[in-house]
PDB file of N, CA and C in Angstrom:
ATOM      1  N   MET A   1       0.434  12.552  -7.372  1.00  0.00           N
ATOM      2  CA  MET A   1       1.352  11.492  -7.004  1.00  0.00           C
ATOM      3  C   MET A   1       1.763  11.698  -5.551  1.00  0.00           C
ATOM      4  N   GLY A   2       1.390  10.756  -4.699  1.00  0.00           N
ATOM      5  CA  GLY A   2       1.747  10.811  -3.293  1.00  0.00           C
ATOM      6  C   GLY A   2       3.049  10.075  -3.041  1.00  0.00           C
ATOM      7  N   SER A   3       3.428  10.002  -1.778  1.00  0.00           N
ATOM      8  CA  SER A   3       4.675   9.309  -1.457  1.00  0.00           C
ATOM      9  C   SER A   3       4.577   8.612  -0.107  1.00  0.00           C
ATOM     10  N   LEU A   4       5.381   7.571   0.012  1.00  0.00           N
ATOM     11  CA  LEU A   4       5.555   6.853   1.265  1.00  0.00           C
ATOM     12  C   LEU A   4       7.018   7.014   1.644  1.00  0.00           C
ATOM     13  N   THR A   5       7.274   7.534   2.845  1.00  0.00           N
ATOM     14  CA  THR A   5       8.645   7.695   3.318  1.00  0.00           C
ATOM     15  C   THR A   5       8.859   6.738   4.477  1.00  0.00           C
ATOM     16  N   TYR A   6       9.916   5.948   4.364  1.00  0.00           N
ATOM     17  CA  TYR A   6      10.265   4.934   5.354  1.00  0.00           C
ATOM     18  C   TYR A   6      11.514   5.364   6.107  1.00  0.00           C
ATOM     19  N   GLU A   7      11.414   5.430   7.423  1.00  0.00           N
ATOM     20  CA  GLU A   7      12.546   5.767   8.290  1.00  0.00           C
ATOM     21  C   GLU A   7      13.240   7.064   7.892  1.00  0.00           C
ATOM     22  N   GLY A   8      12.521   7.965   7.262  1.00  0.00           N
ATOM     23  CA  GLY A   8      13.056   9.273   6.913  1.00  0.00           C
ATOM     24  C   GLY A   8      14.059   9.295   5.786  1.00  0.00           C
ATOM     25  N   SER A   9      14.390   8.122   5.237  1.00  0.00           N
ATOM     26  CA  SER A   9      15.436   8.099   4.209  1.00  0.00           C
ATOM     27  C   SER A   9      15.011   7.466   2.887  1.00  0.00           C
ATOM     28  N   VAL A  10      14.045   6.585   2.899  1.00  0.00           N
ATOM     29  CA  VAL A  10      13.585   5.931   1.670  1.00  0.00           C
ATOM     30  C   VAL A  10      12.240   6.531   1.308  1.00  0.00           C
ATOM     31  N   LYS A  11      12.175   7.189   0.160  1.00  0.00           N
ATOM     32  CA  LYS A  11      10.927   7.812  -0.299  1.00  0.00           C
ATOM     33  C   LYS A  11      10.524   7.160  -1.614  1.00  0.00           C
ATOM     34  N   VAL A  12       9.277   6.704  -1.667  1.00  0.00           N
ATOM     35  CA  VAL A  12       8.749   6.034  -2.854  1.00  0.00           C
ATOM     36  C   VAL A  12       7.471   6.737  -3.274  1.00  0.00           C
ATOM     37  N   ASP A  13       7.356   7.043  -4.559  1.00  0.00           N
ATOM     38  CA  ASP A  13       6.162   7.705  -5.094  1.00  0.00           C
ATOM     39  C   ASP A  13       5.137   6.683  -5.557  1.00  0.00           C
ATOM     40  N   PHE A  14       3.889   6.941  -5.192  1.00  0.00           N
ATOM     41  CA  PHE A  14       2.755   6.127  -5.617  1.00  0.00           C
ATOM     42  C   PHE A  14       1.598   7.052  -5.957  1.00  0.00           C
ATOM     43  N   ASP A  15       0.749   6.621  -6.848  1.00  0.00           N
ATOM     44  CA  ASP A  15      -0.500   7.310  -7.113  1.00  0.00           C
ATOM     45  C   ASP A  15      -1.279   7.366  -5.799  1.00  0.00           C
ATOM     46  N   ASP A  16      -1.985   8.465  -5.554  1.00  0.00           N
ATOM     47  CA  ASP A  16      -2.744   8.620  -4.313  1.00  0.00           C
ATOM     48  C   ASP A  16      -3.684   7.451  -4.054  1.00  0.00           C
ATOM     49  N   ARG A  17      -4.310   6.942  -5.097  1.00  0.00           N
ATOM     50  CA  ARG A  17      -5.259   5.830  -4.942  1.00  0.00           C
ATOM     51  C   ARG A  17      -4.545   4.577  -4.452  1.00  0.00           C
ATOM     52  N   VAL A  18      -3.416   4.276  -5.036  1.00  0.00           N
ATOM     53  CA  VAL A  18      -2.620   3.120  -4.604  1.00  0.00           C
ATOM     54  C   VAL A  18      -2.170   3.334  -3.161  1.00  0.00           C
ATOM     55  N   LEU A  19      -1.666   4.520  -2.875  1.00  0.00           N
ATOM     56  CA  LEU A  19      -1.156   4.832  -1.545  1.00  0.00           C
ATOM     57  C   LEU A  19      -2.226   4.675  -0.467  1.00  0.00           C
ATOM     58  N   ALA A  20      -3.449   5.088  -0.754  1.00  0.00           N
ATOM     59  CA  ALA A  20      -4.538   4.964   0.223  1.00  0.00           C
ATOM     60  C   ALA A  20      -4.809   3.499   0.557  1.00  0.00           C
ATOM     61  N   HIS A  21      -4.765   2.645  -0.441  1.00  0.00           N
ATOM     62  CA  HIS A  21      -4.998   1.224  -0.208  1.00  0.00           C
ATOM     63  C   HIS A  21      -3.823   0.596   0.544  1.00  0.00           C
ATOM     64  N   LEU A  22      -2.610   1.001   0.199  1.00  0.00           N
ATOM     65  CA  LEU A  22      -1.443   0.508   0.927  1.00  0.00           C
ATOM     66  C   LEU A  22      -1.496   0.929   2.388  1.00  0.00           C
ATOM     67  N   GLN A  23      -1.930   2.146   2.650  1.00  0.00           N
ATOM     68  CA  GLN A  23      -1.996   2.641   4.021  1.00  0.00           C
ATOM     69  C   GLN A  23      -2.937   1.781   4.866  1.00  0.00           C
ATOM     70  N   VAL A  24      -4.065   1.398   4.312  1.00  0.00           N
ATOM     71  CA  VAL A  24      -5.017   0.558   5.044  1.00  0.00           C
ATOM     72  C   VAL A  24      -4.387  -0.795   5.369  1.00  0.00           C
ATOM     73  N   VAL A  25      -3.763  -1.419   4.390  1.00  0.00           N
ATOM     74  CA  VAL A  25      -3.179  -2.749   4.594  1.00  0.00           C
ATOM     75  C   VAL A  25      -1.996  -2.679   5.556  1.00  0.00           C
ATOM     76  N   ILE A  26      -1.095  -1.742   5.335  1.00  0.00           N
ATOM     77  CA  ILE A  26       0.075  -1.601   6.206  1.00  0.00           C
ATOM     78  C   ILE A  26      -0.358  -1.263   7.626  1.00  0.00           C
ATOM     79  N   GLY A  27      -1.280  -0.324   7.754  1.00  0.00           N
ATOM     80  CA  GLY A  27      -1.766   0.054   9.079  1.00  0.00           C
ATOM     81  C   GLY A  27      -2.400  -1.104   9.815  1.00  0.00           C
ATOM     82  N   SER A  28      -3.166  -1.919   9.117  1.00  0.00           N
ATOM     83  CA  SER A  28      -3.816  -3.075   9.745  1.00  0.00           C
ATOM     84  C   SER A  28      -2.800  -4.069  10.280  1.00  0.00           C
ATOM     85  N   LYS A  29      -1.791  -4.365   9.482  1.00  0.00           N
ATOM     86  CA  LYS A  29      -0.774  -5.331   9.908  1.00  0.00           C
ATOM     87  C   LYS A  29       0.058  -4.789  11.071  1.00  0.00           C
ATOM     88  N   LEU A  30       0.452  -3.535  10.994  1.00  0.00           N
ATOM     89  CA  LEU A  30       1.278  -2.967  12.055  1.00  0.00           C
ATOM     90  C   LEU A  30       0.489  -2.815  13.355  1.00  0.00           C
ATOM     91  N   ARG A  31      -0.788  -2.500  13.244  1.00  0.00           N
ATOM     92  CA  ARG A  31      -1.650  -2.387  14.422  1.00  0.00           C
ATOM     93  C   ARG A  31      -1.732  -3.726  15.164  1.00  0.00           C
ATOM     94  N   ARG A  32      -1.651  -4.829  14.417  1.00  0.00           N
ATOM     95  CA  ARG A  32      -1.680  -6.170  15.019  1.00  0.00           C
ATOM     96  C   ARG A  32      -0.293  -6.618  15.486  1.00  0.00           C
ATOM     97  N   GLY A  33       0.703  -5.750  15.317  1.00  0.00           N
ATOM     98  CA  GLY A  33       2.053  -6.079  15.763  1.00  0.00           C
ATOM     99  C   GLY A  33       2.819  -6.972  14.806  1.00  0.00           C
ATOM    100  N   GLU A  34       2.364  -7.075  13.562  1.00  0.00           N
ATOM    101  CA  GLU A  34       3.006  -7.952  12.582  1.00  0.00           C
ATOM    102  C   GLU A  34       4.083  -7.202  11.799  1.00  0.00           C
ATOM    103  N   ALA A  35       5.210  -7.867  11.583  1.00  0.00           N
ATOM    104  CA  ALA A  35       6.281  -7.336  10.746  1.00  0.00           C
ATOM    105  C   ALA A  35       6.257  -8.087   9.408  1.00  0.00           C
ATOM    106  N   PHE A  36       6.656  -7.408   8.329  1.00  0.00           N
ATOM    107  CA  PHE A  36       6.596  -8.013   7.004  1.00  0.00           C
ATOM    108  C   PHE A  36       7.427  -7.189   6.019  1.00  0.00           C
ATOM    109  N   PHE A  37       7.755  -7.803   4.888  1.00  0.00           N
ATOM    110  CA  PHE A  37       8.428  -7.087   3.808  1.00  0.00           C
ATOM    111  C   PHE A  37       7.408  -6.325   2.975  1.00  0.00           C
ATOM    112  N   PHE A  38       7.824  -5.187   2.444  1.00  0.00           N
ATOM    113  CA  PHE A  38       7.064  -4.442   1.447  1.00  0.00           C
ATOM    114  C   PHE A  38       8.002  -4.194   0.281  1.00  0.00           C
ATOM    115  N   SER A  39       7.609  -4.637  -0.907  1.00  0.00           N
ATOM    116  CA  SER A  39       8.438  -4.519  -2.103  1.00  0.00           C
ATOM    117  C   SER A  39       7.722  -3.747  -3.188  1.00  0.00           C
ATOM    118  N   TRP A  40       8.483  -3.073  -4.037  1.00  0.00           N
ATOM    119  CA  TRP A  40       7.923  -2.319  -5.149  1.00  0.00           C
ATOM    120  C   TRP A  40       8.918  -2.287  -6.293  1.00  0.00           C
ATOM    121  N   ARG A  41       8.385  -2.028  -7.475  1.00  0.00           N
ATOM    122  CA  ARG A  41       9.217  -1.866  -8.676  1.00  0.00           C
ATOM    123  C   ARG A  41       9.669  -0.416  -8.742  1.00  0.00           C
ATOM    124  N   GLU A  42      10.926  -0.232  -9.056  1.00  0.00           N
ATOM    125  CA  GLU A  42      11.459   1.116  -9.227  1.00  0.00           C
ATOM    126  C   GLU A  42      11.057   1.663 -10.589  1.00  0.00           C
ATOM    127  N   ASP A  43      11.024   2.964 -10.693  1.00  0.00           N
ATOM    128  CA  ASP A  43      10.741   3.631 -11.949  1.00  0.00           C
ATOM    129  C   ASP A  43      11.855   3.332 -12.954  1.00  0.00           C
ATOM    130  N   ARG A  44      11.509   3.315 -14.225  1.00  0.00           N
ATOM    131  CA  ARG A  44      12.511   3.059 -15.274  1.00  0.00           C
ATOM    132  C   ARG A  44      13.698   4.005 -15.176  1.00  0.00           C
ATOM    133  N   SER A  45      13.427   5.254 -14.767  1.00  0.00           N
ATOM    134  CA  SER A  45      14.502   6.243 -14.671  1.00  0.00           C
ATOM    135  C   SER A  45      15.514   5.857 -13.585  1.00  0.00           C
ATOM    136  N   LEU A  46      15.104   4.967 -12.672  1.00  0.00           N
ATOM    137  CA  LEU A  46      15.993   4.519 -11.599  1.00  0.00           C
ATOM    138  C   LEU A  46      16.560   3.129 -11.856  1.00  0.00           C
ATOM    139  N   GLY A  47      16.361   2.618 -13.054  1.00  0.00           N
ATOM    140  CA  GLY A  47      16.923   1.326 -13.413  1.00  0.00           C
ATOM    141  C   GLY A  47      15.926   0.195 -13.517  1.00  0.00           C
ATOM    142  N   ASP A  48      14.652   0.454 -13.235  1.00  0.00           N
ATOM    143  CA  ASP A  48      13.592  -0.543 -13.386  1.00  0.00           C
ATOM    144  C   ASP A  48      13.798  -1.765 -12.492  1.00  0.00           C
ATOM    145  N   GLY A  49      14.491  -1.584 -11.385  1.00  0.00           N
ATOM    146  CA  GLY A  49      14.729  -2.685 -10.457  1.00  0.00           C
ATOM    147  C   GLY A  49      13.616  -2.822  -9.447  1.00  0.00           C
ATOM    148  N   ARG A  50      13.913  -3.495  -8.361  1.00  0.00           N
ATOM    149  CA  ARG A  50      12.942  -3.741  -7.308  1.00  0.00           C
ATOM    150  C   ARG A  50      13.599  -3.445  -5.973  1.00  0.00           C
ATOM    151  N   SER A  51      12.837  -2.880  -5.043  1.00  0.00           N
ATOM    152  CA  SER A  51      13.333  -2.596  -3.702  1.00  0.00           C
ATOM    153  C   SER A  51      12.388  -3.204  -2.680  1.00  0.00           C
ATOM    154  N   SER A  52      12.926  -3.499  -1.502  1.00  0.00           N
ATOM    155  CA  SER A  52      12.129  -4.027  -0.397  1.00  0.00           C
ATOM    156  C   SER A  52      12.589  -3.390   0.907  1.00  0.00           C
ATOM    157  N   VAL A  53      11.637  -3.196   1.812  1.00  0.00           N
ATOM    158  CA  VAL A  53      11.947  -2.751   3.167  1.00  0.00           C
ATOM    159  C   VAL A  53      11.231  -3.675   4.143  1.00  0.00           C
ATOM    160  N   TRP A  54      11.788  -3.807   5.331  1.00  0.00           N
ATOM    161  CA  TRP A  54      11.186  -4.604   6.393  1.00  0.00           C
ATOM    162  C   TRP A  54      10.355  -3.660   7.251  1.00  0.00           C
ATOM    163  N   LEU A  55       9.046  -3.838   7.249  1.00  0.00           N
ATOM    164  CA  LEU A  55       8.151  -3.000   8.036  1.00  0.00           C
ATOM    165  C   LEU A  55       7.845  -3.696   9.351  1.00  0.00           C
ATOM    166  N   ASN A  56       7.895  -2.937  10.431  1.00  0.00           N
ATOM    167  CA  ASN A  56       7.573  -3.468  11.743  1.00  0.00           C
ATOM    168  C   ASN A  56       6.891  -2.358  12.542  1.00  0.00           C
ATOM    169  N   PRO A  57       6.239  -2.701  13.640  1.00  0.00           N
ATOM    170  CA  PRO A  57       5.479  -1.698  14.384  1.00  0.00           C
ATOM    171  C   PRO A  57       6.303  -0.514  14.895  1.00  0.00           C
ATOM    172  N   ARG A  58       7.603  -0.619  14.948  1.00  0.00           N
ATOM    173  CA  ARG A  58       8.437   0.477  15.445  1.00  0.00           C
ATOM    174  C   ARG A  58       9.035   1.342  14.331  1.00  0.00           C
ATOM    175  N   CYS A  59       8.785   0.993  13.079  1.00  0.00           N
ATOM    176  CA  CYS A  59       9.366   1.780  11.985  1.00  0.00           C
ATOM    177  C   CYS A  59       8.595   3.092  11.811  1.00  0.00           C
ATOM    178  N   SER A  60       9.273   4.059  11.251  1.00  0.00           N
ATOM    179  CA  SER A  60       8.677   5.367  11.000  1.00  0.00           C
ATOM    180  C   SER A  60       8.197   5.423   9.552  1.00  0.00           C
ATOM    181  N   LEU A  61       6.901   5.671   9.368  1.00  0.00           N
ATOM    182  CA  LEU A  61       6.314   5.774   8.032  1.00  0.00           C
ATOM    183  C   LEU A  61       5.554   7.084   7.915  1.00  0.00           C
ATOM    184  N   VAL A  62       5.665   7.709   6.753  1.00  0.00           N
ATOM    185  CA  VAL A  62       4.891   8.910   6.465  1.00  0.00           C
ATOM    186  C   VAL A  62       4.187   8.691   5.128  1.00  0.00           C
ATOM    187  N   PHE A  63       2.863   8.811   5.126  1.00  0.00           N
ATOM    188  CA  PHE A  63       2.057   8.738   3.916  1.00  0.00           C
ATOM    189  C   PHE A  63       1.702  10.176   3.551  1.00  0.00           C
ATOM    190  N   LYS A  64       2.194  10.655   2.421  1.00  0.00           N
ATOM    191  CA  LYS A  64       1.933  12.037   1.993  1.00  0.00           C
ATOM    192  C   LYS A  64       1.167  11.986   0.677  1.00  0.00           C
ATOM    193  N   TYR A  65      -0.007  12.601   0.675  1.00  0.00           N
ATOM    194  CA  TYR A  65      -0.876  12.589  -0.497  1.00  0.00           C
ATOM    195  C   TYR A  65      -0.775  13.908  -1.243  1.00  0.00           C
ATOM    196  N   PHE A  66      -0.851  13.826  -2.558  1.00  0.00           N
ATOM    197  CA  PHE A  66      -0.831  15.021  -3.393  1.00  0.00           C
ATOM    198  C   PHE A  66      -2.182  15.726  -3.340  1.00  0.00           C
ATOM    199  N   GLY A  67      -3.249  14.957  -3.489  1.00  0.00           N
ATOM    200  CA  GLY A  67      -4.600  15.526  -3.516  1.00  0.00           C
ATOM    201  C   GLY A  67      -5.182  15.691  -2.128  1.00  0.00           C
ATOM    202  N   SER A  68      -6.212  16.523  -2.025  1.00  0.00           N
ATOM    203  CA  SER A  68      -6.833  16.785  -0.728  1.00  0.00           C
ATOM    204  C   SER A  68      -8.010  15.848  -0.427  1.00  0.00           C
ATOM    205  N   ARG A  69      -8.507  15.149  -1.436  1.00  0.00           N
ATOM    206  CA  ARG A  69      -9.654  14.262  -1.243  1.00  0.00           C
ATOM    207  C   ARG A  69      -9.199  12.819  -1.117  1.00  0.00           C
ATOM    208  N   ALA A  70      -9.761  12.133  -0.142  1.00  0.00           N
ATOM    209  CA  ALA A  70      -9.456  10.715   0.036  1.00  0.00           C
ATOM    210  C   ALA A  70     -10.172   9.913  -1.050  1.00  0.00           C
ATOM    211  N   PRO A  71      -9.456   9.016  -1.732  1.00  0.00           N
ATOM    212  CA  PRO A  71     -10.110   8.208  -2.768  1.00  0.00           C
ATOM    213  C   PRO A  71     -11.052   7.171  -2.155  1.00  0.00           C
ATOM    214  N   ARG A  72     -12.048   6.769  -2.913  1.00  0.00           N
ATOM    215  CA  ARG A  72     -12.955   5.700  -2.490  1.00  0.00           C
ATOM    216  C   ARG A  72     -12.150   4.414  -2.458  1.00  0.00           C
ATOM    217  N   LEU A  73     -12.273   3.673  -1.380  1.00  0.00           N
ATOM    218  CA  LEU A  73     -11.506   2.438  -1.235  1.00  0.00           C
ATOM    219  C   LEU A  73     -12.251   1.257  -1.844  1.00  0.00           C
ATOM    220  N   ASN A  74     -11.489   0.382  -2.452  1.00  0.00           N
ATOM    221  CA  ASN A  74     -12.000  -0.831  -3.075  1.00  0.00           C
ATOM    222  C   ASN A  74     -11.680  -1.994  -2.134  1.00  0.00           C
ATOM    223  N   ALA A  75     -12.709  -2.544  -1.487  1.00  0.00           N
ATOM    224  CA  ALA A  75     -12.522  -3.620  -0.516  1.00  0.00           C
ATOM    225  C   ALA A  75     -11.849  -4.844  -1.139  1.00  0.00           C
ATOM    226  N   ALA A  76     -12.169  -5.137  -2.392  1.00  0.00           N
ATOM    227  CA  ALA A  76     -11.558  -6.291  -3.064  1.00  0.00           C
ATOM    228  C   ALA A  76     -10.055  -6.077  -3.247  1.00  0.00           C
ATOM    229  N   TRP A  77      -9.645  -4.854  -3.521  1.00  0.00           N
ATOM    230  CA  TRP A  77      -8.221  -4.559  -3.682  1.00  0.00           C
ATOM    231  C   TRP A  77      -7.500  -4.637  -2.340  1.00  0.00           C
ATOM    232  N   ILE A  78      -8.139  -4.132  -1.290  1.00  0.00           N
ATOM    233  CA  ILE A  78      -7.547  -4.237   0.048  1.00  0.00           C
ATOM    234  C   ILE A  78      -7.331  -5.704   0.391  1.00  0.00           C
ATOM    235  N   ASP A  79      -8.307  -6.552   0.112  1.00  0.00           N
ATOM    236  CA  ASP A  79      -8.174  -7.990   0.377  1.00  0.00           C
ATOM    237  C   ASP A  79      -7.034  -8.600  -0.436  1.00  0.00           C
ATOM    238  N   ALA A  80      -6.942  -8.218  -1.707  1.00  0.00           N
ATOM    239  CA  ALA A  80      -5.886  -8.761  -2.574  1.00  0.00           C
ATOM    240  C   ALA A  80      -4.503  -8.328  -2.087  1.00  0.00           C
ATOM    241  N   LEU A  81      -4.374  -7.067  -1.679  1.00  0.00           N
ATOM    242  CA  LEU A  81      -3.096  -6.581  -1.153  1.00  0.00           C
ATOM    243  C   LEU A  81      -2.763  -7.269   0.169  1.00  0.00           C
ATOM    244  N   ALA A  82      -3.753  -7.436   1.025  1.00  0.00           N
ATOM    245  CA  ALA A  82      -3.536  -8.102   2.307  1.00  0.00           C
ATOM    246  C   ALA A  82      -3.101  -9.551   2.096  1.00  0.00           C
ATOM    247  N   ASP A  83      -3.659 -10.199   1.081  1.00  0.00           N
ATOM    248  CA  ASP A  83      -3.251 -11.574   0.777  1.00  0.00           C
ATOM    249  C   ASP A  83      -1.761 -11.638   0.458  1.00  0.00           C
ATOM    250  N   THR A  84      -1.253 -10.670  -0.321  1.00  0.00           N
ATOM    251  CA  THR A  84       0.184 -10.681  -0.636  1.00  0.00           C
ATOM    252  C   THR A  84       1.000 -10.407   0.616  1.00  0.00           C
ATOM    253  N   ALA A  85       0.514  -9.519   1.474  1.00  0.00           N
ATOM    254  CA  ALA A  85       1.252  -9.163   2.690  1.00  0.00           C
ATOM    255  C   ALA A  85       1.385 -10.353   3.631  1.00  0.00           C
ATOM    256  N   ASN A  86       0.483 -11.315   3.517  1.00  0.00           N
ATOM    257  CA  ASN A  86       0.507 -12.490   4.393  1.00  0.00           C
ATOM    258  C   ASN A  86       1.307 -13.648   3.827  1.00  0.00           C
ATOM    259  N   THR A  87       2.063 -13.412   2.753  1.00  0.00           N
ATOM    260  CA  THR A  87       2.925 -14.445   2.183  1.00  0.00           C
ATOM    261  C   THR A  87       4.361 -14.217   2.635  1.00  0.00           C
ATOM    262  N   PRO A  88       5.221 -15.221   2.493  1.00  0.00           N
ATOM    263  CA  PRO A  88       6.627 -15.036   2.873  1.00  0.00           C
ATOM    264  C   PRO A  88       7.311 -13.907   2.097  1.00  0.00           C
ATOM    265  N   GLY A  89       6.870 -13.634   0.864  1.00  0.00           N
ATOM    266  CA  GLY A  89       7.466 -12.569   0.056  1.00  0.00           C
ATOM    267  C   GLY A  89       7.030 -11.180   0.481  1.00  0.00           C
ATOM    268  N   GLY A  90       5.922 -11.086   1.201  1.00  0.00           N
ATOM    269  CA  GLY A  90       5.455  -9.808   1.707  1.00  0.00           C
ATOM    270  C   GLY A  90       4.561  -9.037   0.751  1.00  0.00           C
ATOM    271  N   LEU A  91       4.232  -7.827   1.163  1.00  0.00           N
ATOM    272  CA  LEU A  91       3.317  -6.948   0.438  1.00  0.00           C
ATOM    273  C   LEU A  91       3.940  -6.408  -0.841  1.00  0.00           C
ATOM    274  N   TYR A  92       3.183  -6.441  -1.906  1.00  0.00           N
ATOM    275  CA  TYR A  92       3.544  -5.770  -3.154  1.00  0.00           C
ATOM    276  C   TYR A  92       2.253  -5.373  -3.849  1.00  0.00           C
ATOM    277  N   VAL A  93       2.342  -4.388  -4.725  1.00  0.00           N
ATOM    278  CA  VAL A  93       1.158  -3.854  -5.392  1.00  0.00           C
ATOM    279  C   VAL A  93       0.713  -4.818  -6.493  1.00  0.00           C
ATOM    280  N   VAL A  94      -0.545  -5.203  -6.432  1.00  0.00           N
ATOM    281  CA  VAL A  94      -1.166  -6.038  -7.465  1.00  0.00           C
ATOM    282  C   VAL A  94      -2.203  -5.186  -8.187  1.00  0.00           C
ATOM    283  N   PRO A  95      -2.574  -5.570  -9.408  1.00  0.00           N
ATOM    284  CA  PRO A  95      -3.586  -4.785 -10.140  1.00  0.00           C
ATOM    285  C   PRO A  95      -4.906  -4.725  -9.372  1.00  0.00           C
ATOM    286  N   GLU A  96      -5.587  -3.613  -9.521  1.00  0.00           N
ATOM    287  CA  GLU A  96      -6.866  -3.427  -8.837  1.00  0.00           C
ATOM    288  C   GLU A  96      -7.935  -4.300  -9.468  1.00  0.00           C
ATOM    289  N   PRO A  97      -8.582  -5.164  -8.667  1.00  0.00           N
ATOM    290  CA  PRO A  97      -9.685  -5.969  -9.200  1.00  0.00           C
ATOM    291  C   PRO A  97     -10.959  -5.129  -9.260  1.00  0.00           C
ATOM    292  N   ALA A  98     -11.943  -5.646  -9.966  1.00  0.00           N
ATOM    293  CA  ALA A  98     -13.242  -4.973  -9.996  1.00  0.00           C
ATOM    294  C   ALA A  98     -13.785  -4.924  -8.579  1.00  0.00           C
ATOM    295  N   ASP A  99     -14.375  -3.808  -8.232  1.00  0.00           N
ATOM    296  CA  ASP A  99     -14.949  -3.643  -6.887  1.00  0.00           C
ATOM    297  C   ASP A  99     -16.232  -4.443  -6.797  1.00  0.00           C
ATOM    298  N   VAL A 100     -16.335  -5.258  -5.790  1.00  0.00           N
ATOM    299  CA  VAL A 100     -17.532  -6.062  -5.564  1.00  0.00           C
ATOM    300  C   VAL A 100     -18.383  -5.322  -4.545  1.00  0.00           C
ATOM    301  N   PRO A 101     -19.597  -4.900  -4.937  1.00  0.00           N
ATOM    302  CA  PRO A 101     -20.434  -4.163  -3.980  1.00  0.00           C
ATOM    303  C   PRO A 101     -20.726  -5.007  -2.732  1.00  0.00           C
ATOM    304  N   THR A 102     -20.726  -4.360  -1.591  1.00  0.00           N
ATOM    305  CA  THR A 102     -21.055  -5.036  -0.343  1.00  0.00           C
ATOM    306  C   THR A 102     -22.308  -4.394   0.226  1.00  0.00           C
ATOM    307  N   LEU A 103     -22.846  -4.978   1.272  1.00  0.00           N
ATOM    308  CA  LEU A 103     -24.039  -4.410   1.898  1.00  0.00           C
ATOM    309  C   LEU A 103     -23.773  -2.975   2.283  1.00  0.00           C
ATOM    310  N   GLY A 104     -24.695  -2.125   1.994  1.00  0.00           N
ATOM    311  CA  GLY A 104     -24.549  -0.720   2.317  1.00  0.00           C
ATOM    312  C   GLY A 104     -24.045   0.122   1.146  1.00  0.00           C
ATOM    313  N   ASP A 105     -23.462  -0.531   0.116  1.00  0.00           N
ATOM    314  CA  ASP A 105     -23.027   0.209  -1.067  1.00  0.00           C
ATOM    315  C   ASP A 105     -24.247   0.508  -1.929  1.00  0.00           C
ATOM    316  N   ASP A 106     -24.210   1.641  -2.591  1.00  0.00           N
ATOM    317  CA  ASP A 106     -25.270   1.971  -3.538  1.00  0.00           C
ATOM    318  C   ASP A 106     -24.939   1.335  -4.868  1.00  0.00           C
ATOM    319  N   ALA A 107     -25.805   0.478  -5.348  1.00  0.00           N
ATOM    320  CA  ALA A 107     -25.616  -0.161  -6.662  1.00  0.00           C
ATOM    321  C   ALA A 107     -26.382   0.642  -7.693  1.00  0.00           C
ATOM    322  N   ASP A 108     -25.701   1.032  -8.753  1.00  0.00           N
ATOM    323  CA  ASP A 108     -26.350   1.799  -9.822  1.00  0.00           C
ATOM    324  C   ASP A 108     -26.771   0.901 -10.945  1.00  0.00           C
TER     325      ASP A 108
END
């Protein structure tokens, strides 16, 4: 279980696989100078509510992974997450879609 820390004070735990995909989407938007909301569901132990932060190119973010190996990225999931990030409601985690092989992928 990895974590995302925002501005040194808000820490949110995510599975390493989810976190890796979020890092790609968040990094892409911030690199382009775009600001947006990022929302997530809180754990049941914290009341099962929802939290949001405003991400902008000047905010401090730390992506900390539990495991040492980078997970294989699913391009379809990155696209789905990016689609949510481009809405007025901002980025939120959606279920992982089936990975669609692209050129260069090994199909078994």
